Amino acid sequence: MTTDRAPDRRAALKERHRQAIVDAAAALIAEADGTDFTVDELAARADVSRRTIFNHFAGVDDVIAAVCGGVLGTIVESLEARATSCTVDTSADPALLIDAVAAALRDTDLVGPMSYLTRVLGGARGDISPRRAVLLLQALGDVAERMVTELLRYHPENDPLDVRLLVSALMSGLAVIYRDWTETTGAVDTPDSRLVWHRLLDHLIDATSSGYVTTLRAAR
C-alpha cells in the first residue's frame, strides 16, 4: 500500500509546485501589469527553488504562456458546459460538433482576456511582437489540447483526428482574428471593440464550419 501511494504523493507534490509557480507568475504579472520579472523573483514568490521551476518549465516565457492559457481557460469551461448538455450523437452530422464548439466560443468572454493579455505582454497598437505572438500561440495550443480532450470525453463517437482538425482550425483562426481585432481596436475592452470581435468571430466560425462540414460529408 505504501508503495502504491508513493507515486501518487509525488505526482500531487509535483502538481502543487507547478500550480504554485503559475500562481506566483500570475500575481507578479498583475502587480507589475507586465511580464518583466526574473526566475529568482518567481522562485521567491512561489517559495520554490530555481531548479524546481526549471523542472517544470523551460523558462519564464513558458510560465507566462501557462498563465495566458489559464486566462483563456474559460473557453474550455464553456465547452464542457455545452458538451454535458448535448446528448445527441454528434457523429451523425458533423455540423452538430462544430455547433457545440462555436456556441462555446460565442458564449465565452474573450475580449476581456485578450485585452488583458495584450496589455501585460507589452503589445502596442497594431504591433504584435514575435515574442507576444509565440506566447499567445502557445497558450492557444494548450487550450486547444484541453478542448480536444473534453470533446472526446463527452463525444467519443467522433473520430479523434476530425476533432483535432476542427479545434486546430478554430484556434489557429482565433490567432488570426486577434491580430485583425488588435489592429482595428487597439485591443481595448469597449462596447465598440466587442462588436468588432464578435463580427470577426462569426466570420471565422462561418468559414471554418463551411469547409469542415463539406469535407467530412464528402468523405462519408
Protein backbone atom coordinates (compact mmCIF):
# COMPACT_ATOMS: atom_id res chain seq x y z
CA MET A 1 0.00 0.00 0.00
CA THR A 2 2.82 2.39 0.85
CA THR A 3 4.50 1.64 -2.48
CA ASP A 4 1.28 2.26 -4.38
CA ARG A 5 0.68 5.61 -2.71
CA ALA A 6 4.22 6.95 -3.13
CA PRO A 7 3.87 7.77 -6.84
CA ASP A 8 0.53 9.46 -6.12
CA ARG A 9 2.12 11.65 -3.44
CA ARG A 10 4.99 12.56 -5.73
CA ALA A 11 2.60 13.42 -8.56
CA ALA A 12 0.48 15.53 -6.19
CA LEU A 13 3.56 17.37 -4.90
CA LYS A 14 4.74 17.97 -8.47
CA GLU A 15 1.37 19.40 -9.44
CA ARG A 16 1.29 21.62 -6.34
CA HIS A 17 4.71 23.00 -7.22
CA ARG A 18 3.68 23.65 -10.80
CA GLN A 19 0.49 25.41 -9.76
CA ALA A 20 2.38 27.46 -7.17
CA ILE A 21 4.76 28.65 -9.89
CA VAL A 22 1.92 29.58 -12.25
CA ASP A 23 0.01 31.35 -9.46
CA ALA A 24 3.13 33.26 -8.45
CA ALA A 25 3.72 34.34 -12.05
CA ALA A 26 0.10 35.49 -12.35
CA ALA A 27 0.50 37.54 -9.16
CA LEU A 28 3.72 39.14 -10.39
CA ILE A 29 2.12 39.95 -13.75
CA ALA A 30 -0.89 41.54 -12.04
CA GLU A 31 1.27 43.62 -9.71
CA ALA A 32 3.56 44.92 -12.45
CA ASP A 33 0.89 44.94 -15.16
CA GLY A 34 3.56 43.26 -17.27
CA THR A 35 5.91 40.33 -17.52
CA ASP A 36 9.22 41.89 -16.54
CA PHE A 37 10.31 39.58 -13.73
CA THR A 38 13.21 37.17 -13.26
CA VAL A 39 13.42 33.49 -12.43
CA ASP A 40 14.77 34.42 -9.00
CA GLU A 41 11.81 36.71 -8.31
CA LEU A 42 9.43 34.00 -9.47
CA ALA A 43 11.12 31.34 -7.30
CA ALA A 44 10.93 33.61 -4.25
CA ARG A 45 7.25 34.37 -4.78
CA ALA A 46 6.38 30.69 -5.37
CA ASP A 47 8.58 29.61 -2.45
CA VAL A 48 10.43 27.07 -4.57
CA SER A 49 13.98 26.77 -5.87
CA ARG A 50 15.18 27.85 -9.30
CA ARG A 51 15.77 24.17 -10.04
CA THR A 52 12.12 23.37 -9.29
CA ILE A 53 11.00 25.99 -11.78
CA PHE A 54 13.20 24.51 -14.50
CA ASN A 55 11.95 21.02 -13.62
CA HIS A 56 8.53 22.19 -14.75
CA PHE A 57 9.18 24.90 -17.32
CA ALA A 58 11.80 25.73 -19.92
CA GLY A 59 11.96 29.32 -18.71
CA VAL A 60 9.99 32.39 -17.70
CA ASP A 61 8.25 32.67 -21.08
CA ASP A 62 7.00 29.11 -20.70
CA VAL A 63 5.49 30.02 -17.32
CA ILE A 64 3.91 33.15 -18.80
CA ALA A 65 2.36 31.05 -21.55
CA ALA A 66 0.85 28.81 -18.86
CA VAL A 67 -0.64 31.89 -17.18
CA CYS A 68 -2.06 33.00 -20.54
CA GLY A 69 -3.53 29.54 -21.04
CA GLY A 70 -5.21 29.83 -17.66
CA VAL A 71 -6.67 33.20 -18.61
CA LEU A 72 -8.08 31.68 -21.80
CA GLY A 73 -9.23 28.52 -19.99
CA THR A 74 -12.76 29.86 -19.73
CA ILE A 75 -13.21 28.58 -23.29
CA VAL A 76 -12.75 25.02 -22.06
CA GLU A 77 -15.13 25.57 -19.14
CA SER A 78 -17.78 26.89 -21.52
CA LEU A 79 -17.19 23.99 -23.88
CA GLU A 80 -17.55 21.48 -21.04
CA ALA A 81 -20.87 23.04 -20.03
CA ARG A 82 -22.07 22.80 -23.62
CA ALA A 83 -20.80 19.24 -24.02
CA THR A 84 -22.60 17.99 -20.92
CA SER A 85 -25.88 19.49 -22.10
CA CYS A 86 -25.61 17.93 -25.56
CA THR A 87 -26.74 14.30 -25.54
CA VAL A 88 -27.14 13.71 -29.28
CA ASP A 89 -24.73 11.62 -31.32
CA THR A 90 -22.64 14.35 -32.95
CA SER A 91 -21.07 11.85 -35.34
CA ALA A 92 -24.39 11.65 -37.19
CA ASP A 93 -23.85 15.13 -38.62
CA PRO A 94 -20.50 16.98 -38.49
CA ALA A 95 -22.40 20.27 -38.19
CA LEU A 96 -23.54 19.24 -34.70
CA LEU A 97 -19.98 19.05 -33.38
CA ILE A 98 -18.90 22.39 -34.77
CA ASP A 99 -22.12 23.93 -33.46
CA ALA A 100 -21.12 22.86 -29.95
CA VAL A 101 -17.64 24.36 -30.26
CA ALA A 102 -18.95 27.52 -31.93
CA ALA A 103 -21.50 28.01 -29.17
CA ALA A 104 -18.75 27.73 -26.56
CA LEU A 105 -16.64 30.35 -28.35
CA ARG A 106 -19.60 32.70 -28.70
CA ASP A 107 -20.68 32.26 -25.08
CA THR A 108 -17.19 32.91 -23.69
CA ASP A 109 -16.00 36.43 -22.95
CA LEU A 110 -12.72 36.51 -24.86
CA VAL A 111 -12.47 40.27 -25.26
CA GLY A 112 -11.58 40.85 -21.61
CA PRO A 113 -8.87 38.15 -21.53
CA MET A 114 -7.47 39.17 -24.93
CA SER A 115 -7.32 42.82 -23.90
CA TYR A 116 -5.59 41.86 -20.64
CA LEU A 117 -3.06 39.60 -22.37
CA THR A 118 -2.26 42.26 -24.93
CA ARG A 119 -1.54 44.78 -22.17
CA VAL A 120 0.56 42.56 -19.94
CA LEU A 121 2.52 41.07 -22.82
CA GLY A 122 3.62 44.55 -23.77
CA GLY A 123 1.79 44.97 -27.06
CA ALA A 124 1.42 48.31 -28.75
CA ARG A 125 -1.48 49.19 -31.05
CA GLY A 126 -1.15 47.27 -34.28
CA ASP A 127 2.27 45.93 -33.32
CA ILE A 128 2.30 42.22 -32.50
CA SER A 129 5.85 41.42 -31.46
CA PRO A 130 7.30 37.98 -32.28
CA ARG A 131 7.60 37.22 -28.56
CA ARG A 132 3.96 38.03 -27.86
CA ALA A 133 2.83 36.06 -30.89
CA VAL A 134 4.72 32.96 -29.73
CA LEU A 135 3.32 33.19 -26.20
CA LEU A 136 -0.22 33.66 -27.47
CA LEU A 137 0.07 30.76 -29.91
CA GLN A 138 1.50 28.53 -27.18
CA ALA A 139 -1.37 29.45 -24.86
CA LEU A 140 -3.95 28.82 -27.59
CA GLY A 141 -2.27 25.50 -28.34
CA ASP A 142 -2.56 24.44 -24.71
CA VAL A 143 -6.24 25.42 -24.67
CA ALA A 144 -6.79 23.51 -27.93
CA GLU A 145 -5.42 20.31 -26.39
CA ARG A 146 -7.77 20.68 -23.45
CA MET A 147 -10.70 21.31 -25.79
CA VAL A 148 -9.92 18.16 -27.79
CA THR A 149 -9.74 16.13 -24.57
CA GLU A 150 -13.12 17.42 -23.38
CA LEU A 151 -14.84 16.91 -26.73
CA LEU A 152 -13.62 13.33 -26.99
CA ARG A 153 -14.54 12.64 -23.37
CA TYR A 154 -18.15 13.70 -23.88
CA HIS A 155 -18.46 12.68 -27.53
CA PRO A 156 -16.23 9.63 -28.04
CA GLU A 157 -18.25 8.64 -31.11
CA ASN A 158 -16.24 11.15 -33.16
CA ASP A 159 -13.01 10.41 -35.00
CA PRO A 160 -10.18 11.89 -32.85
CA LEU A 161 -8.43 13.19 -35.98
CA ASP A 162 -11.54 15.04 -37.12
CA VAL A 163 -11.91 16.62 -33.68
CA ARG A 164 -8.27 17.71 -33.62
CA LEU A 165 -8.52 19.19 -37.11
CA LEU A 166 -11.65 21.14 -36.19
CA VAL A 167 -10.25 22.53 -32.94
CA SER A 168 -6.90 23.31 -34.56
CA ALA A 169 -8.59 25.25 -37.36
CA LEU A 170 -10.68 27.30 -34.95
CA MET A 171 -7.85 28.06 -32.50
CA SER A 172 -5.47 28.99 -35.30
CA GLY A 173 -8.21 31.20 -36.67
CA LEU A 174 -8.56 32.88 -33.27
CA ALA A 175 -4.92 33.94 -33.51
CA VAL A 176 -5.61 35.43 -36.95
CA ILE A 177 -8.70 37.39 -35.96
CA TYR A 178 -6.96 38.50 -32.77
CA ARG A 179 -4.44 40.28 -34.97
CA ASP A 180 -7.13 41.97 -37.04
CA TRP A 181 -9.02 42.92 -33.88
CA THR A 182 -5.88 44.38 -32.30
CA GLU A 183 -5.05 46.43 -35.38
CA THR A 184 -8.62 47.73 -35.63
CA THR A 185 -9.38 48.43 -31.96
CA GLY A 186 -6.03 48.65 -30.18
CA ALA A 187 -7.14 45.64 -28.12
CA VAL A 188 -9.14 47.80 -25.73
CA ASP A 189 -12.21 46.43 -23.97
CA THR A 190 -15.06 48.69 -25.06
CA PRO A 191 -18.56 48.10 -26.46
CA ASP A 192 -17.32 49.00 -29.95
CA SER A 193 -14.32 46.66 -29.76
CA ARG A 194 -16.63 43.87 -28.61
CA LEU A 195 -18.81 44.39 -31.68
CA VAL A 196 -15.72 44.14 -33.87
CA TRP A 197 -14.61 40.96 -32.08
CA HIS A 198 -17.98 39.25 -32.47
CA ARG A 199 -18.11 40.15 -36.14
CA LEU A 200 -14.67 38.65 -36.70
CA LEU A 201 -15.56 35.58 -34.64
CA ASP A 202 -18.74 34.99 -36.67
CA HIS A 203 -16.69 35.25 -39.86
CA LEU A 204 -14.19 32.69 -38.52
CA ILE A 205 -16.89 30.24 -37.42
CA ASP A 206 -18.80 30.51 -40.71
CA ALA A 207 -15.67 29.98 -42.81
CA THR A 208 -14.43 27.06 -40.69
CA SER A 209 -17.85 25.43 -40.45
CA SER A 210 -18.42 25.56 -44.18
CA GLY A 211 -15.11 23.91 -45.05
CA TYR A 212 -15.22 21.36 -42.21
CA VAL A 213 -18.76 20.16 -42.83
CA THR A 214 -18.33 19.99 -46.61
CA THR A 215 -15.11 17.97 -46.32
CA LEU A 216 -16.48 15.45 -43.81
CA ARG A 217 -19.74 14.93 -45.64
CA ALA A 218 -17.87 14.31 -48.89
CA ALA A 219 -15.67 11.73 -47.15
CA ARG A 220 -18.65 9.71 -45.87
